[in-house]
Amino acid sequence: MAKKLTSLNDLGGFVFSTNKDFEFEAVETSNKTLDPKQQRLEAHLDKKNRGGKVATVITGFQGSDDDLKTLGKMLKTKCGVGGAVKDGEIIIQGNFRDKIMEILKGKGYFVKRVGG
């Protein structure tokens, strides 16, 4: 069964045109990482789709995927737990929101506590 297209992004970046004189200009997307003082991160607690177990989710990071993975690895190491980095979010297993917020504030990030 074919995948249903819901947006132009589902085409994978292709451009279709019937204009014979059309010339595609590639737009470079520079995903430069902002300075930690300019970052506005949010710390959430989440239990959805995790079998009732709590996970700490950090969102709002603006920068390259490599820098996000590096930050996620550092947080997992400091907390001594597992986790993942996907869809622009850092997911840490367990309720480590306060500890993670202190670590990130120590690194110069602005972290906002979201939720209860």
Protein backbone atom coordinates (compact mmCIF):
# COMPACT_ATOMS: atom_id res chain seq x y z
CA MET A 1 0.00 0.00 0.00
CA ALA A 2 1.39 3.40 -0.95
CA LYS A 3 2.14 5.97 1.72
CA LYS A 4 -0.32 8.84 1.79
CA LEU A 5 1.27 12.23 1.12
CA THR A 6 0.25 14.82 3.68
CA SER A 7 2.69 17.61 2.83
CA LEU A 8 5.33 18.59 0.30
CA ASN A 9 8.03 17.37 2.68
CA ASP A 10 6.75 13.82 2.13
CA LEU A 11 8.09 14.06 -1.43
CA GLY A 12 11.63 13.99 -0.07
CA GLY A 13 12.73 17.39 -1.29
CA PHE A 14 11.86 16.86 -4.93
CA VAL A 15 10.62 19.79 -7.00
CA PHE A 16 8.31 19.14 -9.93
CA SER A 17 7.71 21.77 -12.59
CA THR A 18 6.16 21.88 -16.05
CA ASN A 19 8.12 25.04 -16.88
CA LYS A 20 10.90 24.19 -19.37
CA ASP A 21 12.99 27.16 -18.23
CA PHE A 22 12.78 26.30 -14.53
CA GLU A 23 16.12 26.09 -12.72
CA PHE A 24 16.23 24.67 -9.23
CA GLU A 25 18.31 26.62 -6.72
CA ALA A 26 19.33 24.52 -3.76
CA VAL A 27 18.96 26.32 -0.47
CA GLU A 28 21.64 25.47 2.04
CA THR A 29 20.30 24.80 5.48
CA SER A 30 23.00 25.70 7.92
CA ASN A 31 22.08 24.11 11.21
CA LYS A 32 24.58 26.07 13.28
CA THR A 33 24.37 25.46 17.00
CA LEU A 34 23.48 28.48 19.08
CA ASP A 35 25.50 29.52 22.11
CA PRO A 36 24.17 27.92 25.35
CA LYS A 37 23.15 31.36 26.66
CA GLN A 38 20.87 31.79 23.64
CA GLN A 39 19.23 28.36 23.98
CA ARG A 40 15.77 28.07 25.57
CA LEU A 41 15.28 24.46 26.65
CA GLU A 42 12.23 22.88 28.27
CA ALA A 43 12.31 19.94 30.70
CA HIS A 44 9.21 17.70 30.66
CA LEU A 45 8.23 14.50 32.43
CA ASP A 46 6.51 12.00 30.18
CA LYS A 47 4.79 8.63 30.73
CA LYS A 48 3.06 8.17 27.38
CA ASN A 49 3.85 5.01 25.41
CA ARG A 50 6.43 3.92 27.98
CA GLY A 51 4.53 1.23 29.86
CA GLY A 52 3.80 3.57 32.77
CA LYS A 53 7.48 4.38 33.32
CA VAL A 54 8.60 8.00 33.61
CA ALA A 55 11.07 9.63 31.23
CA THR A 56 12.57 13.11 31.29
CA VAL A 57 12.30 14.84 27.90
CA ILE A 58 14.40 17.89 26.97
CA THR A 59 13.09 19.91 24.01
CA GLY A 60 13.91 23.20 22.33
CA PHE A 61 17.56 22.60 21.38
CA GLN A 62 18.58 24.61 18.33
CA GLY A 63 21.61 23.29 16.54
CA SER A 64 23.14 20.39 14.69
CA ASP A 65 22.16 16.79 15.31
CA ASP A 66 25.73 15.94 16.31
CA ASP A 67 25.74 18.60 19.04
CA LEU A 68 22.35 17.37 20.26
CA LYS A 69 23.65 13.79 20.44
CA THR A 70 26.74 14.97 22.32
CA LEU A 71 24.59 16.84 24.85
CA GLY A 72 22.31 13.81 25.23
CA LYS A 73 25.25 11.49 25.81
CA MET A 74 26.67 13.83 28.45
CA LEU A 75 23.32 13.96 30.29
CA LYS A 76 22.92 10.17 30.18
CA THR A 77 26.43 9.73 31.56
CA LYS A 78 25.96 12.27 34.38
CA CYS A 79 22.65 10.65 35.40
CA GLY A 80 23.96 7.10 34.98
CA VAL A 81 20.94 5.94 32.99
CA GLY A 82 19.94 5.13 29.44
CA GLY A 83 18.07 7.25 26.99
CA ALA A 84 17.80 8.32 23.39
CA VAL A 85 18.07 11.32 21.12
CA LYS A 86 15.42 11.47 18.39
CA ASP A 87 13.18 13.97 16.66
CA GLY A 88 15.13 16.88 18.17
CA GLU A 89 14.47 15.69 21.72
CA ILE A 90 16.67 14.20 24.42
CA ILE A 91 14.87 11.40 26.28
CA ILE A 92 16.37 10.28 29.60
CA GLN A 93 14.96 7.23 31.38
CA GLY A 94 13.57 8.07 34.82
CA ASN A 95 12.66 11.22 36.73
CA PHE A 96 15.90 13.22 36.58
CA ARG A 97 14.35 16.57 35.67
CA ASP A 98 15.78 18.54 38.61
CA LYS A 99 19.26 17.04 38.23
CA ILE A 100 19.28 17.63 34.47
CA MET A 101 18.10 21.22 34.93
CA GLU A 102 20.99 21.88 37.35
CA ILE A 103 23.51 20.30 34.96
CA LEU A 104 22.24 22.35 32.00
CA LYS A 105 22.13 25.58 34.02
CA GLY A 106 25.73 24.91 35.04
CA LYS A 107 26.63 24.68 31.34
CA GLY A 108 24.98 28.05 30.69
CA TYR A 109 21.65 26.93 29.21
CA PHE A 110 18.32 28.52 30.14
CA VAL A 111 16.05 25.63 31.19
CA LYS A 112 12.35 25.99 31.91
CA ARG A 113 10.46 23.43 33.99
CA VAL A 114 7.29 22.41 32.14
CA GLY A 115 4.45 20.48 33.75
CA GLY A 116 3.94 19.27 37.32
